[in-house]
Amino acid sequence: MSETLPFGDPLSDEGAFMNDRQREYFRRKLLAWKADILREARETLETLARENSNLADAADRASSETDRSIELRARDRQRKLISKIDAALERIEEGTYGYCEETGEPISLKRLDARPIATLSLEAQERHERREKVYRDE
C-alpha cells in the first residue's frame, strides 16, 4: 500500500520531520484505508440483508446466527478503527500527527507506514504494554 507522490519518496528522511510531502502521504493512506473499511462494511451489510434467515434446519439457523454474530463483532472493531483513523486525520490537520503522545518525540516513519494510526513511539508502546502486562498478571 506504499504510494509514491509526484514530488519524491515521502518516507525518506530528507527535510523536516512530518513535512508537507509526508503529511500528504499519510493523509492519503488513511483516507484510502477508511474507504476500504467502509466499502467492506457496506458489502457485509448487503450480504447479511440478502441472507435468508428463514432456514428450516435448526443447525443451519444456528450456524447462520454464529456467522452473523462474528461478522457484527468484526464490524464493531472496524467502527472503532475508523474512529482512530479519523483521529489521525485530525492530528494531521492540527500538525500533531507523527509525534508520540507520551514523549512528544517523532514516531519513526517506518512505524507510521506500518501502523498509520500509531500515537506512541515504539519505545513508549513497549513501556505501555509492559505496564499492562504487570497489572494483568497481578
Protein backbone atom coordinates (compact mmCIF):
# COMPACT_ATOMS: atom_id res chain seq x y z
CA MET A 1 0.00 0.00 0.00
CA SER A 2 3.05 2.20 -0.36
CA GLU A 3 2.36 5.11 -2.65
CA THR A 4 4.90 7.50 -4.09
CA LEU A 5 3.82 11.08 -4.52
CA PRO A 6 4.97 13.04 -7.56
CA PHE A 7 7.46 15.05 -5.51
CA GLY A 8 9.71 12.31 -4.14
CA ASP A 9 9.72 9.48 -1.65
CA PRO A 10 7.56 10.53 1.30
CA LEU A 11 9.31 8.09 3.62
CA SER A 12 12.80 9.43 3.01
CA ASP A 13 14.41 11.22 5.90
CA GLU A 14 15.06 14.27 3.72
CA GLY A 15 13.81 17.55 5.09
CA ALA A 16 11.97 18.26 8.30
CA PHE A 17 10.06 15.52 10.07
CA MET A 18 6.40 15.37 9.03
CA ASN A 19 6.86 17.82 6.20
CA ASP A 20 4.10 18.55 3.66
CA ARG A 21 5.05 15.56 1.50
CA GLN A 22 4.89 13.17 4.45
CA ARG A 23 1.64 14.61 5.80
CA GLU A 24 0.01 14.27 2.38
CA TYR A 25 1.26 10.69 2.01
CA PHE A 26 -0.22 9.66 5.38
CA ARG A 27 -3.44 11.62 4.77
CA ARG A 28 -3.98 9.73 1.50
CA LYS A 29 -3.06 6.42 3.11
CA LEU A 30 -5.52 6.94 5.97
CA LEU A 31 -8.32 8.06 3.64
CA ALA A 32 -7.80 5.01 1.38
CA TRP A 33 -7.82 2.69 4.42
CA LYS A 34 -11.05 4.26 5.69
CA ALA A 35 -12.67 3.95 2.25
CA ASP A 36 -11.73 0.25 2.12
CA ILE A 37 -13.24 -0.39 5.55
CA LEU A 38 -16.46 1.44 4.66
CA ARG A 39 -16.75 -0.47 1.37
CA GLU A 40 -16.29 -3.80 3.17
CA ALA A 41 -18.89 -2.79 5.77
CA ARG A 42 -21.43 -1.96 3.04
CA GLU A 43 -20.75 -5.30 1.36
CA THR A 44 -21.23 -7.13 4.67
CA LEU A 45 -24.50 -5.37 5.40
CA GLU A 46 -25.76 -6.18 1.90
CA THR A 47 -24.79 -9.84 2.35
CA LEU A 48 -26.46 -10.04 5.76
CA ALA A 49 -29.61 -8.44 4.35
CA ARG A 50 -29.72 -10.93 1.46
CA GLU A 51 -29.21 -14.00 3.62
CA ASN A 52 -32.30 -15.99 4.26
CA SER A 53 -32.90 -16.10 8.00
CA ASN A 54 -35.85 -18.46 7.48
CA LEU A 55 -33.67 -21.54 7.27
CA ALA A 56 -35.65 -24.69 8.03
CA ASP A 57 -32.86 -26.65 9.66
CA ALA A 58 -32.05 -25.65 13.26
CA ALA A 59 -28.34 -26.38 12.73
CA ASP A 60 -28.30 -24.15 9.64
CA ARG A 61 -30.02 -21.37 11.59
CA ALA A 62 -27.54 -21.69 14.46
CA SER A 63 -24.60 -21.66 12.06
CA SER A 64 -26.02 -18.63 10.28
CA GLU A 65 -26.53 -16.79 13.58
CA THR A 66 -22.97 -17.60 14.67
CA ASP A 67 -21.63 -16.28 11.35
CA ARG A 68 -23.74 -13.15 11.72
CA SER A 69 -22.52 -12.58 15.28
CA ILE A 70 -18.87 -12.95 14.25
CA GLU A 71 -19.39 -10.58 11.32
CA LEU A 72 -21.06 -7.97 13.52
CA ARG A 73 -18.24 -8.13 16.08
CA ALA A 74 -15.73 -7.62 13.27
CA ARG A 75 -17.72 -4.61 12.05
CA ASP A 76 -17.69 -3.17 15.58
CA ARG A 77 -13.90 -3.46 15.68
CA GLN A 78 -13.74 -1.73 12.31
CA ARG A 79 -16.02 1.04 13.55
CA LYS A 80 -13.53 1.66 16.36
CA LEU A 81 -10.71 1.58 13.80
CA ILE A 82 -12.48 4.26 11.75
CA SER A 83 -12.59 6.44 14.88
CA LYS A 84 -8.82 6.02 15.23
CA ILE A 85 -8.32 6.84 11.54
CA ASP A 86 -10.47 9.97 11.94
CA ALA A 87 -8.43 10.97 14.99
CA ALA A 88 -5.20 10.51 12.99
CA LEU A 89 -6.59 12.66 10.17
CA GLU A 90 -7.47 15.31 12.74
CA ARG A 91 -3.90 15.19 14.12
CA ILE A 92 -2.61 15.73 10.57
CA GLU A 93 -4.76 18.85 10.29
CA GLU A 94 -3.63 20.06 13.73
CA GLY A 95 0.05 19.41 12.97
CA THR A 96 0.50 16.91 15.81
CA TYR A 97 0.45 13.75 13.65
CA GLY A 98 3.55 11.58 13.90
CA TYR A 99 4.58 12.72 17.36
CA CYS A 100 4.40 10.43 20.39
CA GLU A 101 1.58 11.41 22.75
CA GLU A 102 3.69 10.32 25.72
CA THR A 103 7.12 11.78 24.94
CA GLY A 104 6.47 14.34 22.20
CA GLU A 105 9.25 12.73 20.17
CA PRO A 106 8.76 11.84 16.48
CA ILE A 107 7.39 8.36 15.76
CA SER A 108 9.53 6.62 13.14
CA LEU A 109 8.26 6.89 9.57
CA LYS A 110 8.55 3.11 9.21
CA ARG A 111 6.29 2.59 12.22
CA LEU A 112 3.77 5.11 10.90
CA ASP A 113 3.84 3.47 7.48
CA ALA A 114 3.11 0.08 9.07
CA ARG A 115 0.56 1.49 11.56
CA PRO A 116 -0.59 4.94 10.43
CA ILE A 117 -2.87 5.33 13.47
CA ALA A 118 0.04 4.93 15.93
CA THR A 119 0.05 7.52 18.69
CA LEU A 120 3.08 6.23 20.60
CA SER A 121 6.68 5.70 19.58
CA LEU A 122 7.81 2.09 19.57
CA GLU A 123 9.64 2.57 22.88
CA ALA A 124 6.63 4.21 24.55
CA GLN A 125 4.33 1.48 23.18
CA GLU A 126 6.60 -1.22 24.61
CA ARG A 127 6.64 0.51 28.02
CA HIS A 128 2.85 0.78 27.90
CA GLU A 129 2.48 -2.93 27.06
CA ARG A 130 4.90 -3.95 29.85
CA ARG A 131 2.88 -1.91 32.37
CA GLU A 132 -0.35 -3.52 31.10
CA LYS A 133 1.16 -6.98 31.46
CA VAL A 134 2.28 -6.29 35.02
CA TYR A 135 -1.22 -5.14 36.02
CA ARG A 136 -2.85 -8.04 34.16
CA ASP A 137 -0.58 -10.61 35.83
CA GLU A 138 -1.23 -9.33 39.37
